[in-house]
Amino acid sequence: MLSTLGYIIHDIRAFFEGNGWPVFVIVALVLSVFFWTACLIGIAFFYYRDYRYRRAYSRIYPALRDFIYEYILVENRTSHFPVDKLGLDLDNKLVSKVVRHILHDFIFTIGGEKGQSMRHLFNELGFDKESQYEIRHSATNIVTTVRSLANLALMKVSIQDTILDRLQKSPQAEIRVAASKYLLQVEGEQAFDKVFDGLYGISQLHALDIFQTVVQGNYYGDYAFSQWLEVSKSFAVNSLFMDLMVYYQELNEAQLWTLITADKESKTALKAINSLGKLLAKDSEERLQALYTEESSLAAKLEILKALGRVGQGKSIDFLNGLFMDANLPLSLRKHAYRSLVAQKPYSSALLRKIEEQVDGEERKLVRSINHPMVHYI
């Protein structure tokens, strides 16, 4: 036993004293060769797939474009298209993929009755059934599911409620967002409650995606987006509802102040202050001044000053003037205080003239840079 242990210790010592390094170097070189070979194969495969797609696209696009021009734009057909005249092998996965992409782009840009005819063509080519199959059997494949949901939304094809519920409860946020977008595009305002009630775990990019889907629709009602604001929800979710409130000019000061007072230092509170300003919450002007004196965060103070400039009913003129004239404050605060005074014209016109007559030195430079932004470039 002791002799075996001695041999092991001797071998280990010999390895680290130099006898084992050649073997170590050889193994490292072999692994390096395998790694770079795999990388090159992967890159070559990617470019080969891209080459095949672009080659197929250059061949299919002119044929499909001419077909659409002849039978939809000229003959004004709405159904029973002579798809055999396309001369395309739609059983080929690559050809089918390219045709779907081209049709999607055409339908997205062509509206009205012609767009509806394009949807009928999409369905007659069997892509609606293919998309339905993909969302049923490829729910774990994010790219496929998201693409299929986008196609079905554009075609206004109905999906079973059980499948939609499953997609909305998917562990993948991308699939949940795609299902929400489908509902918003197909059902419009009727889907608001269902979509907003199930929003969780989304990023700011997802929130922006949903926001754009809502505002690009035909909604012009008086839906209360503020009802979904909650302190416990993430910044991305609350930010989405505040953006919708601003876009549709829905003012709910009480709900926004609930977010602000819950955590004054959070991004959600800063967004709520920003929203108060954009919604011209005039009843919050004095309360914003009080909040400024309580705040220690520079970012929060800047947002409050911006909001005061937007809300401006003349109640904060003396307050803003005092901040601008305080030489001990950071330059950014003084600058935004003066900008907010300018934004409150005509209430502040007399004071602004007085300031321009009295200030000199650094204050005059600051005033000129705000009133005449081009001085930065002269």
Protein backbone atom coordinates (compact mmCIF):
# COMPACT_ATOMS: atom_id res chain seq x y z
CA MET A 1 0.00 0.00 0.00
CA LEU A 2 2.77 2.40 0.96
CA SER A 3 4.77 1.49 -2.15
CA THR A 4 1.75 2.19 -4.39
CA LEU A 5 1.22 5.54 -2.71
CA GLY A 6 4.89 6.29 -3.16
CA TYR A 7 4.70 5.55 -6.89
CA ILE A 8 1.67 7.84 -7.25
CA ILE A 9 3.44 10.68 -5.45
CA HIS A 10 6.53 10.11 -7.58
CA ASP A 11 4.48 10.21 -10.82
CA ILE A 12 2.69 13.41 -9.79
CA ARG A 13 5.98 15.06 -8.85
CA ALA A 14 7.55 13.95 -12.14
CA PHE A 15 4.61 15.39 -14.09
CA PHE A 16 4.89 18.81 -12.52
CA GLU A 17 8.67 18.80 -12.69
CA GLY A 18 8.46 18.68 -16.48
CA ASN A 19 8.14 15.06 -17.56
CA GLY A 20 4.38 15.38 -18.07
CA TRP A 21 4.30 18.72 -19.87
CA PRO A 22 4.74 17.30 -23.40
CA VAL A 23 1.65 15.14 -22.88
CA PHE A 24 -0.26 18.10 -21.49
CA VAL A 25 0.71 20.27 -24.47
CA ILE A 26 -0.31 17.57 -26.95
CA VAL A 27 -3.73 17.17 -25.31
CA ALA A 28 -4.22 20.98 -25.32
CA LEU A 29 -3.29 21.19 -29.01
CA VAL A 30 -5.66 18.36 -29.95
CA LEU A 31 -8.54 19.95 -28.04
CA SER A 32 -7.75 23.32 -29.61
CA VAL A 33 -7.83 21.78 -33.10
CA PHE A 34 -11.18 20.13 -32.35
CA PHE A 35 -12.60 23.42 -30.99
CA TRP A 36 -11.57 25.57 -33.95
CA THR A 37 -12.64 22.89 -36.42
CA ALA A 38 -16.10 22.84 -34.82
CA CYS A 39 -16.24 26.66 -35.00
CA LEU A 40 -15.30 26.71 -38.67
CA ILE A 41 -17.86 23.99 -39.48
CA GLY A 42 -20.54 25.97 -37.64
CA ILE A 43 -19.67 29.20 -39.46
CA ALA A 44 -19.60 27.41 -42.81
CA PHE A 45 -22.97 25.80 -42.09
CA PHE A 46 -24.50 29.16 -41.17
CA TYR A 47 -23.26 30.85 -44.34
CA TYR A 48 -24.35 27.89 -46.44
CA ARG A 49 -27.90 28.10 -45.04
CA ASP A 50 -27.93 31.85 -45.60
CA TYR A 51 -26.68 31.36 -49.17
CA ARG A 52 -29.42 28.79 -49.89
CA TYR A 53 -32.09 31.09 -48.45
CA ARG A 54 -30.95 34.14 -50.45
CA ARG A 55 -30.69 32.06 -53.61
CA ALA A 56 -34.21 30.69 -53.14
CA TYR A 57 -35.51 34.17 -52.26
CA SER A 58 -34.06 35.71 -55.44
CA ARG A 59 -35.80 33.00 -57.49
CA ILE A 60 -39.17 32.95 -55.70
CA TYR A 61 -39.73 36.66 -55.08
CA PRO A 62 -40.18 37.71 -58.76
CA ALA A 63 -42.54 34.78 -59.45
CA LEU A 64 -44.67 35.49 -56.37
CA ARG A 65 -44.66 39.24 -56.98
CA ASP A 66 -45.89 38.81 -60.56
CA PHE A 67 -48.51 36.29 -59.43
CA ILE A 68 -49.87 38.75 -56.82
CA TYR A 69 -49.85 41.62 -59.31
CA GLU A 70 -51.71 39.64 -61.98
CA TYR A 71 -54.35 37.83 -59.94
CA ILE A 72 -54.91 40.13 -56.95
CA LEU A 73 -54.11 43.66 -58.07
CA VAL A 74 -55.26 43.36 -61.71
CA GLU A 75 -57.87 40.59 -61.84
CA ASN A 76 -59.01 41.43 -58.30
CA ARG A 77 -59.50 37.80 -57.31
CA THR A 78 -60.49 37.12 -53.73
CA SER A 79 -60.26 33.30 -53.74
CA HIS A 80 -59.62 30.19 -55.86
CA PHE A 81 -56.19 31.29 -56.96
CA PRO A 82 -54.38 29.21 -59.63
CA VAL A 83 -51.51 28.37 -57.30
CA ASP A 84 -50.29 25.67 -59.71
CA LYS A 85 -49.11 28.45 -62.03
CA LEU A 86 -46.57 29.52 -59.44
CA GLY A 87 -44.51 26.47 -60.30
CA LEU A 88 -43.14 26.19 -56.77
CA ASP A 89 -42.49 23.03 -54.81
CA LEU A 90 -44.27 24.00 -51.60
CA ASP A 91 -43.47 20.59 -50.08
CA ASN A 92 -39.86 21.72 -49.93
CA LYS A 93 -39.26 23.21 -46.47
CA LEU A 94 -36.95 25.94 -47.72
CA VAL A 95 -39.33 27.00 -50.52
CA SER A 96 -42.28 26.98 -48.12
CA LYS A 97 -40.33 29.08 -45.60
CA VAL A 98 -39.36 31.68 -48.20
CA VAL A 99 -42.90 31.93 -49.59
CA ARG A 100 -44.29 32.45 -46.09
CA HIS A 101 -41.81 35.24 -45.39
CA ILE A 102 -42.55 36.99 -48.68
CA LEU A 103 -46.31 36.73 -48.23
CA HIS A 104 -46.02 38.02 -44.68
CA ASP A 105 -44.14 41.10 -45.91
CA PHE A 106 -46.65 41.71 -48.73
CA ILE A 107 -49.68 41.36 -46.44
CA PHE A 108 -48.08 43.67 -43.89
CA THR A 109 -47.71 46.43 -46.50
CA ILE A 110 -50.91 45.88 -48.52
CA GLY A 111 -54.09 46.87 -46.71
CA GLY A 112 -57.80 47.07 -47.37
CA GLU A 113 -59.56 44.58 -49.64
CA LYS A 114 -56.33 43.63 -51.37
CA GLY A 115 -54.83 42.72 -48.03
CA GLN A 116 -57.81 40.48 -47.33
CA SER A 117 -57.29 38.76 -50.70
CA MET A 118 -53.65 38.22 -49.71
CA ARG A 119 -54.83 36.53 -46.54
CA HIS A 120 -57.04 34.21 -48.59
CA LEU A 121 -54.05 33.33 -50.76
CA PHE A 122 -52.02 32.58 -47.62
CA ASN A 123 -54.74 30.22 -46.44
CA GLU A 124 -55.18 28.52 -49.82
CA LEU A 125 -51.48 27.75 -49.85
CA GLY A 126 -52.04 25.90 -46.59
CA PHE A 127 -49.89 28.10 -44.39
CA ASP A 128 -52.68 28.75 -41.90
CA LYS A 129 -52.91 25.01 -41.16
CA GLU A 130 -49.13 24.77 -41.03
CA SER A 131 -48.96 27.62 -38.51
CA GLN A 132 -51.71 26.04 -36.41
CA TYR A 133 -49.79 22.76 -36.41
CA GLU A 134 -46.57 24.50 -35.38
CA ILE A 135 -48.07 26.23 -32.35
CA ARG A 136 -49.60 22.93 -31.25
CA HIS A 137 -46.49 20.81 -31.60
CA SER A 138 -43.60 23.26 -31.34
CA ALA A 139 -44.55 25.15 -28.20
CA THR A 140 -41.03 24.67 -26.83
CA ASN A 141 -39.44 26.03 -30.01
CA ILE A 142 -39.50 29.78 -29.37
CA VAL A 143 -38.63 30.98 -32.89
CA THR A 144 -41.14 28.71 -34.63
CA THR A 145 -43.96 29.47 -32.22
CA VAL A 146 -43.42 33.25 -32.29
CA ARG A 147 -43.28 33.27 -36.10
CA SER A 148 -46.43 31.17 -36.40
CA LEU A 149 -48.35 33.36 -33.96
CA ALA A 150 -47.28 36.46 -35.93
CA ASN A 151 -48.51 34.85 -39.16
CA LEU A 152 -51.85 33.82 -37.66
CA ALA A 153 -52.36 37.28 -36.15
CA LEU A 154 -51.70 38.95 -39.49
CA MET A 155 -54.11 36.54 -41.22
CA LYS A 156 -56.76 36.99 -38.48
CA VAL A 157 -56.95 33.20 -38.09
CA SER A 158 -58.71 31.98 -34.94
CA ILE A 159 -56.85 29.82 -32.43
CA GLN A 160 -58.56 27.56 -29.90
CA ASP A 161 -58.85 29.08 -26.43
CA THR A 162 -57.20 26.06 -24.79
CA ILE A 163 -54.10 26.46 -26.98
CA LEU A 164 -53.94 30.22 -26.33
CA ASP A 165 -54.22 29.66 -22.58
CA ARG A 166 -51.35 27.19 -22.74
CA LEU A 167 -49.22 29.63 -24.72
CA GLN A 168 -49.99 32.49 -22.32
CA LYS A 169 -48.82 30.30 -19.42
CA SER A 170 -45.62 29.24 -21.17
CA PRO A 171 -42.42 29.46 -19.10
CA GLN A 172 -40.85 31.34 -22.03
CA ALA A 173 -41.57 35.09 -21.87
CA GLU A 174 -41.16 35.42 -25.67
CA ILE A 175 -44.01 32.96 -26.28
CA ARG A 176 -46.26 34.66 -23.70
CA VAL A 177 -45.63 38.04 -25.34
CA ALA A 178 -46.29 36.61 -28.83
CA ALA A 179 -49.60 35.14 -27.60
CA SER A 180 -50.54 38.50 -26.06
CA LYS A 181 -49.73 40.30 -29.30
CA TYR A 182 -51.87 37.79 -31.21
CA LEU A 183 -54.84 38.49 -28.95
CA LEU A 184 -54.40 42.26 -29.23
CA GLN A 185 -54.15 42.14 -33.02
CA VAL A 186 -57.10 39.78 -33.52
CA GLU A 187 -59.48 40.79 -30.72
CA GLY A 188 -58.40 44.37 -30.07
CA GLU A 189 -59.90 46.06 -27.02
CA GLN A 190 -61.81 42.91 -26.09
CA ALA A 191 -58.49 41.25 -25.22
CA PHE A 192 -57.19 43.98 -22.90
CA ASP A 193 -58.35 42.42 -19.65
CA LYS A 194 -57.11 38.95 -20.58
CA VAL A 195 -53.72 40.19 -21.75
CA PHE A 196 -53.01 42.69 -18.98
CA ASP A 197 -54.13 40.32 -16.24
CA GLY A 198 -51.54 37.74 -17.30
CA LEU A 199 -48.52 40.02 -17.78
CA TYR A 200 -45.50 39.00 -15.71
CA GLY A 201 -41.82 38.36 -16.14
CA ILE A 202 -41.43 40.57 -19.20
CA SER A 203 -38.50 42.79 -20.12
CA GLN A 204 -38.64 46.44 -21.17
CA LEU A 205 -38.27 45.36 -24.81
CA HIS A 206 -41.26 43.04 -24.41
CA ALA A 207 -43.22 45.92 -22.87
CA LEU A 208 -42.33 48.14 -25.82
CA ASP A 209 -43.44 45.39 -28.21
CA ILE A 210 -46.85 45.13 -26.53
CA PHE A 211 -47.18 48.94 -26.37
CA GLN A 212 -46.59 49.25 -30.12
CA THR A 213 -49.11 46.49 -30.81
CA VAL A 214 -51.79 48.35 -28.82
CA VAL A 215 -51.19 51.79 -30.33
CA GLN A 216 -50.99 50.43 -33.89
CA GLY A 217 -54.46 48.96 -33.53
CA ASN A 218 -57.80 50.68 -33.97
CA TYR A 219 -58.39 51.42 -30.29
CA TYR A 220 -59.59 54.95 -29.46
CA GLY A 221 -61.68 54.29 -26.35
CA ASP A 222 -61.52 55.20 -22.69
CA TYR A 223 -60.12 52.00 -21.20
CA ALA A 224 -58.63 52.50 -17.71
CA PHE A 225 -55.04 51.30 -18.10
CA SER A 226 -54.24 52.74 -14.66
CA GLN A 227 -56.27 50.00 -12.97
CA TRP A 228 -53.39 47.58 -13.61
CA LEU A 229 -50.73 49.69 -11.88
CA GLU A 230 -49.48 47.95 -8.74
CA VAL A 231 -46.53 48.49 -6.43
CA SER A 232 -45.77 44.76 -6.43
CA LYS A 233 -45.38 44.57 -10.22
CA SER A 234 -42.07 44.93 -12.04
CA PHE A 235 -40.85 48.17 -13.57
CA ALA A 236 -41.36 46.84 -17.11
CA VAL A 237 -45.04 46.01 -16.48
CA ASN A 238 -45.85 49.28 -14.70
CA SER A 239 -43.89 51.20 -17.32
CA LEU A 240 -46.05 49.69 -20.07
CA PHE A 241 -49.26 50.87 -18.41
CA MET A 242 -47.85 54.34 -17.74
CA ASP A 243 -46.78 54.66 -21.37
CA LEU A 244 -50.30 53.70 -22.45
CA MET A 245 -51.78 56.22 -20.00
CA VAL A 246 -49.62 58.96 -21.50
CA TYR A 247 -50.34 57.93 -25.09
CA TYR A 248 -54.12 57.91 -24.55
CA GLN A 249 -54.00 60.82 -22.06
CA GLU A 250 -55.56 58.97 -19.14
CA LEU A 251 -54.80 60.93 -15.98
CA ASN A 252 -55.03 59.10 -12.66
CA GLU A 253 -52.97 61.12 -10.20
CA ALA A 254 -53.90 59.04 -7.16
CA GLN A 255 -52.65 55.80 -8.72
CA LEU A 256 -49.39 57.40 -9.87
CA TRP A 257 -48.76 58.91 -6.45
CA THR A 258 -49.26 55.47 -4.90
CA LEU A 259 -46.29 54.24 -6.95
CA ILE A 260 -44.22 57.30 -6.04
CA THR A 261 -44.78 57.13 -2.28
CA ALA A 262 -44.22 53.35 -2.11
CA ASP A 263 -40.54 53.60 -3.07
CA LYS A 264 -39.31 57.08 -3.95
CA GLU A 265 -35.90 55.86 -5.13
CA SER A 266 -37.15 53.20 -7.58
CA LYS A 267 -37.26 53.46 -11.37
CA THR A 268 -41.02 52.99 -11.17
CA ALA A 269 -41.36 56.12 -8.99
CA LEU A 270 -39.22 58.15 -11.42
CA LYS A 271 -41.37 56.96 -14.32
CA ALA A 272 -44.52 57.90 -12.40
CA ILE A 273 -43.17 61.43 -11.78
CA ASN A 274 -42.34 61.69 -15.48
CA SER A 275 -45.87 60.54 -16.35
CA LEU A 276 -47.42 63.18 -14.06
CA GLY A 277 -45.62 65.84 -16.04
CA LYS A 278 -46.56 64.44 -19.46
CA LEU A 279 -50.19 64.09 -18.37
CA LEU A 280 -50.23 67.73 -17.21
CA ALA A 281 -51.32 66.79 -13.69
CA LYS A 282 -51.94 70.38 -12.54
CA ASP A 283 -53.28 69.32 -9.14
CA SER A 284 -49.89 67.75 -8.37
CA GLU A 285 -47.77 70.90 -8.81
CA GLU A 286 -47.57 71.84 -5.15
CA ARG A 287 -47.13 68.24 -4.09
CA LEU A 288 -44.21 67.86 -6.50
CA GLN A 289 -42.52 70.87 -4.87
CA ALA A 290 -42.90 69.24 -1.46
CA LEU A 291 -41.51 65.99 -2.82
CA TYR A 292 -38.45 67.81 -4.16
CA THR A 293 -37.52 69.05 -0.67
CA GLU A 294 -37.83 65.50 0.69
CA GLU A 295 -35.75 63.88 -2.03
CA SER A 296 -31.99 63.34 -1.83
CA SER A 297 -31.55 61.57 -5.18
CA LEU A 298 -30.28 63.76 -8.01
CA ALA A 299 -32.18 61.67 -10.61
CA ALA A 300 -35.45 62.11 -8.71
CA LYS A 301 -34.92 65.86 -8.32
CA LEU A 302 -34.30 66.22 -12.06
CA GLU A 303 -37.48 64.31 -12.90
CA ILE A 304 -39.47 66.51 -10.51
CA LEU A 305 -38.10 69.68 -12.12
CA LYS A 306 -38.96 68.39 -15.60
CA ALA A 307 -42.47 67.49 -14.42
CA LEU A 308 -42.95 70.96 -12.91
CA GLY A 309 -41.98 72.50 -16.23
CA ARG A 310 -44.57 70.44 -18.09
CA VAL A 311 -47.36 70.83 -15.51
CA GLY A 312 -46.58 74.53 -14.94
CA GLN A 313 -49.62 76.51 -13.85
CA GLY A 314 -47.56 79.32 -12.38
CA LYS A 315 -47.61 77.99 -8.80
CA SER A 316 -43.96 76.93 -8.81
CA ILE A 317 -42.33 80.00 -10.39
CA ASP A 318 -40.81 81.36 -7.15
CA PHE A 319 -39.69 77.86 -6.18
CA LEU A 320 -37.89 77.32 -9.51
CA ASN A 321 -36.37 80.78 -9.44
CA GLY A 322 -34.92 80.11 -6.00
CA LEU A 323 -33.28 76.92 -7.27
CA PHE A 324 -31.83 78.63 -10.33
CA MET A 325 -30.33 81.47 -8.26
CA ASP A 326 -28.78 79.06 -5.71
CA ALA A 327 -25.11 78.94 -6.72
CA ASN A 328 -24.46 76.02 -4.35
CA LEU A 329 -26.66 73.61 -6.31
CA PRO A 330 -25.30 71.30 -9.02
CA LEU A 331 -25.35 72.84 -12.48
CA SER A 332 -27.76 70.20 -13.81
CA LEU A 333 -30.42 71.16 -11.24
CA ARG A 334 -30.05 74.88 -11.93
CA LYS A 335 -30.25 74.26 -15.68
CA HIS A 336 -33.47 72.24 -15.41
CA ALA A 337 -34.96 74.77 -12.98
CA TYR A 338 -34.46 77.51 -15.58
CA ARG A 339 -35.76 75.27 -18.39
CA SER A 340 -38.91 74.67 -16.36
CA LEU A 341 -39.30 78.40 -15.89
CA VAL A 342 -39.08 78.85 -19.67
CA ALA A 343 -41.66 76.08 -20.12
CA GLN A 344 -44.09 77.93 -17.83
CA LYS A 345 -44.49 80.92 -20.13
CA PRO A 346 -46.49 83.17 -20.15
CA TYR A 347 -46.75 82.87 -16.35
CA SER A 348 -42.98 83.29 -16.01
CA SER A 349 -42.35 85.83 -18.80
CA ALA A 350 -41.88 88.83 -16.48
CA LEU A 351 -39.52 86.91 -14.19
CA LEU A 352 -37.45 85.63 -17.13
CA ARG A 353 -36.95 89.17 -18.42
CA LYS A 354 -35.85 90.26 -14.95
CA ILE A 355 -33.41 87.35 -14.71
CA GLU A 356 -31.85 88.15 -18.10
CA GLU A 357 -31.32 91.77 -17.01
CA GLN A 358 -29.77 90.93 -13.65
CA VAL A 359 -27.61 87.85 -14.15
CA ASP A 360 -23.99 87.99 -15.21
CA GLY A 361 -20.97 85.70 -15.37
CA GLU A 362 -21.74 81.99 -15.17
CA GLU A 363 -25.50 82.53 -14.83
CA ARG A 364 -25.58 84.52 -18.08
CA LYS A 365 -23.74 81.70 -19.89
CA LEU A 366 -26.24 79.20 -18.52
CA VAL A 367 -29.22 81.33 -19.59
CA ARG A 368 -27.80 81.80 -23.09
CA SER A 369 -27.09 78.10 -23.53
CA ILE A 370 -30.71 77.26 -22.63
CA ASN A 371 -32.38 80.04 -24.61
CA HIS A 372 -30.08 79.66 -27.63
CA PRO A 373 -28.95 76.01 -27.89
CA MET A 374 -27.00 76.73 -31.07
CA VAL A 375 -24.33 78.60 -29.06
CA HIS A 376 -22.93 75.14 -28.22
CA TYR A 377 -21.99 74.70 -31.87
CA ILE A 378 -20.63 78.18 -32.67
